[in-house]
Every structure is written in C-alpha cells, then in structure tokens.
Amino acid sequence: SAAYFELENLEQSMADANKCIDLAPKWCKGYYRKAKVLFAGKNLAGALSVCRKGLEVAADDPQLKALGDQIRPQAVKEAEGHKEKGNVSFQAKDYEAAIAWYQKALHLDPENHILY
C-alpha cells in the first residue's frame, strides 16, 4: 500500500490497505495507510473515520494521531462551510436542503455540539 501510495496509485494503495485491515484488523498500519489514501483523495470524513477506528486498535499510535491532527482542521473548516450553506437554505425555508447541508457538516465534525 505504501509503495503504491508513493507512486500516486491511490486505487491500488487503497486495495492493499483494505486487504491489510482484512488480514490483520488489530494492526494499526492498515488503518493509517487507508486514512492516508482517503485524505489524499480529499475524503476528509472518511479519513477521520478510519483514523478513529485505527486509534481504537492502537490508542497511542503516533502516526495515526498525527494524521488525524493534520486532517481535523481541514474537516472542521469544511464542516463550517456546510453549516453556513445549511443556514442559508434554512433562512430560505428550504428545510430539506438545510438538513442535507447540516448532515454533511456533522459527517465531517461529529463532535461539534453546535451542529446538532
């Protein structure tokens, strides 16, 4: 997975990271590699989710912690943008669109109480 990642072959890197997790679900390196691929592909919510899963397996892993710390500010910023779009939709009485934007924000920043 790591070698494919360095070659920017994210599809194969993801396949190998997933296989690693399947074969050794208690080894945090697979989660780290999968989170890196998701982050590189701009899937911030997915990358954070995988970091959290990896930290459940290895709570003190410095690579997973560092990667999560790198992703989190970007996810929070993106969530704030979704929240603002939700507010605009809410003010326009387009409640379904508002809910969709708020859900996107929550997916990125599920620990932010303001989004609930």
Foldseek 3Di string as FASTA:
>chain_A
DVVCVVVVVLVVQLVVLVVVCVVCVLDLVSLLSNLVSCVVVVNLLVSLVSLVSSCVSVVPDPSSVVSNVVSLVVLQVVLVVLQVVLVVCVVVVVNVSSVVSLVSSCSSPVPDPVSD
